[in-house]
Amino acid sequence: MGASRSRSVDLRTLPDTGAKEHELHGVRHTYQSKVKEEPETMFEKEVCLATEMQDEEMREVEIKNHKVLLIKSNGEFSAIGHLCSHYGSPLVKGVLSHGRVRCPRHGACFNIKTGDIEEFPCVDGLQRFKVEVQDGKVILSISAKILELNKRTQDMVTRSPGNKGVILLIGGGPASLICAETLRQEGYKGRVILATKEMHLPYDRPKLSKSLNSQVENILLRKAEFYSTYDIEVLTNKEVLLLNMVMEENHPKRFIAIGEKIALILQATSVNTKKRKVRFKDGTTQQYDNLLIATGSIPKMLDCPGADLENVCLLRTPEDANKIDELATGKNVVIVGSSFIGMEVAAYLAEKAKSVSVIGTSEVPYQNVLGIEIGKAIMKMFEQEAIKFYMLDHVTELRGEDGLLKEVVLASGKVLPSDICVVGIGVTPATSFLNGSPIKTDSKGTVVVDQFMQTSVAKVFAAGDITSFPLPLQNNQSVNIGHWQLAHMQGHVAALNMQKKNTGINTVPFFWTHFFGKSLRYAGYGTGYEEVIFQGDIGELKFAAFYIKEDKVVAVASLNYDPVVAQVAEVLASGKTISKSEAEYVAFKNELALT
């Protein structure tokens, strides 16, 4: 039949998700037409015999030159879009557990019956197609209209004019966007207002360090028309200062057009958490019933002479990325910081810059997260691309001339010529505006939330980089993790609890990095690991690393070794553990399957 078979993993003890299809009546769909349509053209095809597929198997099958993911689970067949809606990875190479399939690249999960999202990062679900077994033959029936559409916007309602409710989301990242979408998916028909300090609609920030020349219109998470269609108001150029006070009102407003909607440009200056009112810098105020704080993080700058020179750059926005790309081409580049942002920028500039030098305070890159062995192997690969490293060192001075950087001085005494310096030494939570408010923060400035993303103040939730939240994998220890995937999930959970769904966060942290055509993946929470068990060959950059703490696997990383990270993520998501001896057995046998 020309089908492509997957490598399945035995996870039969995983619980069924029990996901149900949304009701269709009264809910807006992206594929609905506002005019009367002709009867749909349907295509049918026998794709295989029912006995040809084993239970818990996935295949890609073709119909009219389009691929579909066919799944057999618990003796039943289903069919959904074959590509992950995040970055288009083939799901047939992923992991099938009871009720869902997990993408091998970045961990997104989809319900195999409905195509709905069950784990992030992604904003769209997948198409679902009709499958029947007739006389032992598996028959696909697909509408011509949706055959070409691998993904779909999940069912959402729009605002009802009679609903006076208001939910305000502060922050323009994935936490706020997913919160807004989840509210509409759950039937919330009040006003949804998303406020961001940037001039842009929410965009895919992880792409910036991997492709510095990205144009914002190409990395938007949603186009402008989406917000108009689903009545999500966007407030741009907004910076918030939260105080337990209210000031005067009735100041004039300014407006900009976003799609078919009008969005206010507002600058928040105060929030009264008792009266649930936000005051903006232009003097206007906004009442809310529920508030989400998802303001993200702020890059740290060097604290040394010369840090304010014009060509010393941070990377946070598309404008920052484009500036670095322009200034670095054909020039001497110094990157301060040898973790994920710094290394991704170094990899991108390797062929564009005259020279690239990386300065790090540890012995090898990624040392704190991935360990010495992996750090050494990756550093060697970068050195083969002519990137120079100055490790166990730090910057003491940035020397300039006429306001422009010329040299970077290190504590070791080395002086590096530099036409541009990119600083990637970490971030701080953007929560200083909470000083003096009743919302509880910890010593690092992160907002303390419970499993429902609820802060210490009723009706005020928080999500994303700024939170310290209880992680089930760590026996609900409070942790702060700045992962893109987690921001999605936390925004989703916050929305559910705004709608009184009483849903606690239960997710496995998952992140990735990309350099020189290779992707490194990581799942779990490995802080404080005691040893690492390796499978594969680190020197050949084809390996999996199991991080062990208290005789069990707490995290896994891999390079060119898919889908092991997705497999481990599914095991941990099920509530099971992987013992040290089991990890040693897997490594000894050199097999991917985890039981």
Foldseek 3Di string as FASTA:
>chain_A
DPKDKEDEFDPAVFDAPPDDADDDPQWDWPLDDPDDDDDFDKDKDFFFFLVVDDAQIWIWTDDPNFTWIWHHHPNDIWIWQQADQAPGAGQSHFYDYRQWTFGQFFTWIAGRHCQDTDFDDAQWGFGIWDWDQDPRTIMTMDTPSCRVPGTTHGIFHAADPVDAAEEEEEAQELLLVLLVSLLRNVPNRHAAEYEHLAPDHYFDFVVCLQALQDDRVVTHSDALVVCVVRRYAYAYNEAAFEAQDDDAADFDWDWDDRRPDIHTHWYWYYANLVQQKTATPRRHMDHHQFYEYEHFWAFDFDDAAPRQFPQEAEDDDSVRSNVCLVQFFQEEEEEEAQEFSRVSNLQNCLVGHVAYEYEELAPFGPCQPPHDLLRVLVVVVSVVSVYHYDYNKHFHYFDDDPRFTAWTAIPVGDIHGHRHYYYGHDIAGPQPSCVNPPWDDDPRQAGEAEQLQDTPRPSYGYAAQRYFYQAVLVVGHTDGDHASRRSNQNSSSNSCVNVPVPDGDQFWDKHWHDGPHKIKIKTFDQRPFDDWDWADDSNVQFIKIFTHDPFWGGMMMGIVDPNLRNQVRSCVSSVHIGGNVQSNVCRVVSDSHDD
